[in-house]
Protein backbone atom coordinates (compact mmCIF):
# COMPACT_ATOMS: atom_id res chain seq x y z
CA MET A 1 0.30 -32.49 7.77
CA LYS A 2 -2.15 -32.46 10.69
CA ASP A 3 0.47 -30.78 12.91
CA ARG A 4 0.93 -28.01 10.34
CA ALA A 5 -2.84 -27.36 10.23
CA GLN A 6 -2.97 -27.17 14.03
CA LEU A 7 0.01 -24.79 14.09
CA ASN A 8 -1.65 -22.55 11.48
CA LYS A 9 -4.85 -22.51 13.54
CA ILE A 10 -2.92 -21.54 16.68
CA LYS A 11 -1.13 -18.74 14.78
CA TYR A 12 -4.48 -17.47 13.45
CA ILE A 13 -6.05 -17.46 16.93
CA TRP A 14 -2.99 -15.78 18.44
CA ALA A 15 -3.15 -13.01 15.79
CA ILE A 16 -6.78 -12.35 16.75
CA VAL A 17 -5.94 -12.32 20.48
CA LYS A 18 -3.08 -9.84 19.93
CA ASP A 19 -5.34 -7.57 17.87
CA ARG A 20 -8.20 -7.70 20.37
CA TRP A 21 -6.18 -7.11 23.53
CA PHE A 22 -2.96 -5.33 22.62
CA ARG A 23 -3.96 -2.75 20.01
CA PRO A 24 -6.70 -0.10 19.87
CA TYR A 25 -9.56 -0.69 17.45
CA ASP A 26 -9.50 0.90 14.01
CA ASP A 27 -12.07 3.47 12.87
CA ILE A 28 -13.74 1.85 9.82
CA ILE A 29 -16.08 3.48 7.31
CA LEU A 30 -17.73 1.66 4.40
CA ARG A 31 -19.11 3.43 1.35
CA PHE A 32 -20.24 2.32 -2.11
CA ASN A 33 -17.78 3.36 -4.83
CA THR A 34 -20.03 5.42 -7.16
CA LYS A 35 -17.09 6.05 -9.49
CA ALA A 36 -16.35 2.39 -10.16
CA LYS A 37 -16.39 1.63 -13.89
CA ASP A 38 -18.58 -1.13 -15.34
CA GLY A 39 -16.82 -4.46 -14.96
CA ASN A 40 -14.62 -3.23 -12.09
CA PRO A 41 -15.18 -5.67 -9.20
CA LEU A 42 -13.88 -3.19 -6.58
CA VAL A 43 -17.19 -1.49 -5.80
CA TRP A 44 -16.70 -0.81 -2.07
CA ARG A 45 -14.56 1.85 -0.44
CA ILE A 46 -13.26 0.72 2.95
CA PHE A 47 -11.63 3.52 4.98
CA VAL A 48 -9.45 2.27 7.85
CA ASN A 49 -8.31 5.16 10.05
CA GLY A 50 -8.83 7.48 7.06
CA GLN A 51 -6.83 5.38 4.57
CA GLU A 52 -8.92 4.20 1.61
CA ASN A 53 -8.88 0.59 0.39
CA LEU A 54 -11.06 -0.83 -2.39
CA ALA A 55 -12.94 -4.10 -1.98
CA SER A 56 -15.09 -6.36 -4.11
CA ASP A 57 -17.16 -7.56 -1.17
CA PHE A 58 -17.31 -7.34 2.60
CA GLU A 59 -18.64 -9.25 5.59
CA ILE A 60 -19.28 -7.61 8.96
CA ILE A 61 -19.43 -9.52 12.22
CA GLY A 62 -20.70 -7.30 15.03
CA HIS A 63 -22.11 -3.84 15.77
CA VAL A 64 -22.30 -1.11 13.06
CA TYR A 65 -23.91 2.32 12.85
CA SER A 66 -24.90 4.79 10.13
CA LEU A 67 -23.16 8.11 9.62
CA THR A 68 -22.90 10.87 7.05
CA SER A 69 -19.92 12.78 5.75
CA LYS A 70 -19.11 15.35 3.07
CA GLU A 71 -16.78 14.77 0.16
CA ASN A 72 -16.28 17.67 -2.26
CA ASN A 73 -19.34 19.35 -0.72
CA ILE A 74 -21.50 16.29 -1.51
CA LYS A 75 -23.28 14.52 1.34
CA LYS A 76 -22.30 10.83 1.57
CA TYR A 77 -24.05 8.08 3.51
CA ASN A 78 -21.80 5.54 5.20
CA VAL A 79 -21.74 2.54 7.48
CA GLY A 80 -19.24 2.84 10.30
CA CYS A 81 -17.79 0.77 13.12
CA MET A 82 -14.78 0.35 15.34
CA GLY A 83 -12.99 -2.93 14.76
CA ARG A 84 -10.47 -4.84 12.66
CA VAL A 85 -10.28 -5.64 8.94
CA ARG A 86 -8.90 -8.91 7.64
CA TRP A 87 -8.55 -9.42 3.89
CA GLN A 88 -9.36 -12.55 1.91
CA GLY A 89 -8.13 -11.45 -1.49
CA THR A 90 -10.29 -8.40 -2.29
CA LYS A 91 -12.99 -9.26 0.27
CA ALA A 92 -12.89 -7.36 3.58
CA ILE A 93 -13.82 -9.36 6.70
CA ILE A 94 -14.64 -6.89 9.48
CA ILE A 95 -14.89 -7.95 13.13
CA THR A 96 -16.19 -5.07 15.19
CA ALA A 97 -15.52 -3.92 18.71
CA PRO A 98 -18.19 -4.83 21.27
CA ARG A 99 -21.12 -2.43 21.47
CA PRO A 100 -20.54 0.21 24.17
CA ARG A 101 -22.43 -0.60 27.40
CA GLU A 102 -24.41 2.66 27.32
CA GLU A 103 -25.98 1.56 24.00
CA LEU A 104 -27.17 -1.75 25.45
CA VAL A 105 -29.75 -0.08 27.70
């Protein structure tokens, strides 16, 4: 049983390493779902490279920024980042790309 847990941990770490080093980061935008009905737990809209996913909750580890967009001629306020999304059920875990060096000054 202990060997299986160690193997799963190694697979998990390897998946993160492959994502970080061998694939470009995704463009991620988070926005509150104003059209969610009462009782619907999916109150967050998570856009990954333009594709919408609904989430009940999210956790962000890293650097984010604010941005605005227009949807049907209505101004929307968003949180954006470059990074990766991992799902735990309907919760989005977002690990962002490092902050660009020019922003560290």
